[in-house]
């Protein structure tokens, strides 16, 4: 509610890109409010922090084949204070994260090496 159009465009554009990289198709990948089962995330090691850590957590759960469920919520414009998000840094971080997802997802597996045969 009352979120500026440019902010919605960035969010929807980023979600579109993440939908291309994920197996599970979520509505949003950048939400900072998530609930996880402890058993599913306790062993996850993140390289990213802050806003990017949320997306990286989803990436790892998706790659492990875990079920991810969304519950609709309304995004409202901030009423008090300023956002701590550094917009350009966050955009670059998401693009870097997406790039690494595509590279590792589309990287071909090394060819199998045939077992040596003992002909003695």
Foldseek 3Di string as FASTA:
>chain_A
DPDDPVVVVLQQVLLVLVCVLFPDRDNGQQDPDDDDDCVQPVPDDDPDDDRVSSNVSVVVCRVVVHDDDDDDDDDDDDDDDDDPDPVVVVSVSSVVVSVVSCCVVPPDDDDDDDDDDDPD
